[in-house]
Protein backbone atom coordinates (compact mmCIF):
# COMPACT_ATOMS: atom_id res chain seq x y z
CA LEU A 1 0.00 0.00 0.00
CA SER A 2 1.41 3.35 -0.99
CA PRO A 3 0.11 6.95 -0.90
CA ASP A 4 -0.72 6.59 -4.59
CA ASP A 5 -3.29 3.93 -3.65
CA LEU A 6 -5.27 6.34 -1.46
CA PRO A 7 -8.20 8.33 -2.92
CA LEU A 8 -6.87 11.65 -1.64
CA ASP A 9 -8.76 13.82 -4.15
CA GLU A 10 -12.03 12.12 -3.25
CA MET A 11 -11.28 12.47 0.47
CA ARG A 12 -10.51 16.19 0.06
CA GLU A 13 -13.72 16.69 -1.93
CA ARG A 14 -15.77 14.90 0.73
CA ALA A 15 -14.13 16.90 3.52
CA ARG A 16 -14.84 20.12 1.63
CA SER A 17 -18.50 19.20 1.13
CA LEU A 18 -18.86 18.29 4.80
CA ALA A 19 -17.29 21.60 5.81
CA GLU A 20 -19.80 23.38 3.58
CA GLY A 21 -22.64 21.53 5.29
CA GLU A 22 -23.55 19.24 2.43
CA ARG A 23 -24.60 15.72 3.25
CA ALA A 24 -22.04 13.21 2.05
CA THR A 25 -23.38 10.37 -0.06
CA PRO A 26 -21.74 7.00 -0.44
CA ARG A 27 -19.65 6.88 -3.61
CA SER A 28 -19.45 3.13 -3.85
CA PRO A 29 -22.44 1.11 -5.09
CA VAL A 30 -21.47 -1.53 -2.53
CA ALA A 31 -21.63 1.03 0.28
CA ALA A 32 -24.99 2.28 -0.96
CA ARG A 33 -26.42 -1.25 -1.08
CA SER A 34 -25.07 -2.32 2.31
CA ALA A 35 -26.38 0.68 4.28
CA PRO A 36 -29.95 -0.68 4.64
CA SER A 37 -28.68 -4.11 5.70
CA LEU A 38 -26.36 -2.48 8.24
CA ASP A 39 -29.31 -0.50 9.60
CA ALA A 40 -31.39 -3.70 9.83
CA SER A 41 -28.56 -5.53 11.60
CA LEU A 42 -28.00 -2.64 14.00
CA ARG A 43 -31.75 -2.39 14.66
CA GLU A 44 -31.91 -6.11 15.49
CA ARG A 45 -28.94 -5.91 17.84
CA ILE A 46 -30.30 -2.86 19.65
CA GLU A 47 -33.79 -4.31 19.99
CA ALA A 48 -32.38 -7.62 21.26
CA ALA A 49 -30.22 -5.83 23.83
CA LEU A 50 -33.19 -3.79 25.05
CA VAL A 51 -35.33 -6.91 25.38
CA ALA A 52 -32.53 -8.81 27.15
CA HIS A 53 -32.18 -5.96 29.65
CA ALA A 54 -35.90 -5.30 30.12
CA GLY A 55 -35.71 -1.89 28.47
CA ASN A 56 -32.86 -0.65 30.66
CA GLN A 57 -30.99 1.62 28.27
CA THR A 58 -27.85 1.85 30.39
CA GLU A 59 -27.50 -1.93 30.61
CA ALA A 60 -28.38 -2.42 26.92
CA ALA A 61 -25.76 0.15 25.91
CA ARG A 62 -23.16 -1.54 28.13
CA ALA A 63 -23.96 -4.93 26.52
CA LEU A 64 -23.57 -3.36 23.06
CA GLY A 65 -20.25 -1.78 24.06
CA ILE A 66 -21.47 1.80 23.49
CA SER A 67 -22.38 4.72 25.70
CA ARG A 68 -25.98 5.33 26.75
CA ARG A 69 -25.94 8.59 24.80
CA THR A 70 -24.81 6.75 21.66
CA LEU A 71 -27.60 4.22 22.18
CA ILE A 72 -30.15 7.03 22.46
CA HIS A 73 -28.76 8.64 19.30
CA ARG A 74 -29.03 5.31 17.43
CA LEU A 75 -32.61 4.82 18.67
CA GLU A 76 -33.54 8.25 17.30
CA GLU A 77 -31.64 7.64 14.07
CA LEU A 78 -33.38 4.31 13.46
CA GLY A 79 -36.82 5.50 14.61
CA ILE A 80 -36.99 3.09 17.53
CA ALA A 81 -39.13 4.29 20.44
CA ARG A 82 -37.18 4.69 23.66
CA PRO A 83 -38.37 2.43 26.47
CA ARG A 84 -39.75 4.35 29.41
CA LYS A 85 -39.71 3.40 33.06
CA GLY A 86 -42.99 2.23 34.53
CA ARG A 87 -44.69 1.39 31.25
């Protein structure tokens, strides 16, 4: 692997678009196709962790190896309702 193998122009262009506030889109057809399956896999893992820990977000996050805040962000991102205490 050498510096010539790296897509530096593409990386600079993406960094520039992110700095300008544009949403970056996957350039690779493989990346575009795998995003929904990654979301489905992540959704399944999160839902399973929440069920396994009776809706306890702190424990579910710990089991997933992420922070509670990251778990909450993922729940919002995936449109999963947050479990509430006493319901």
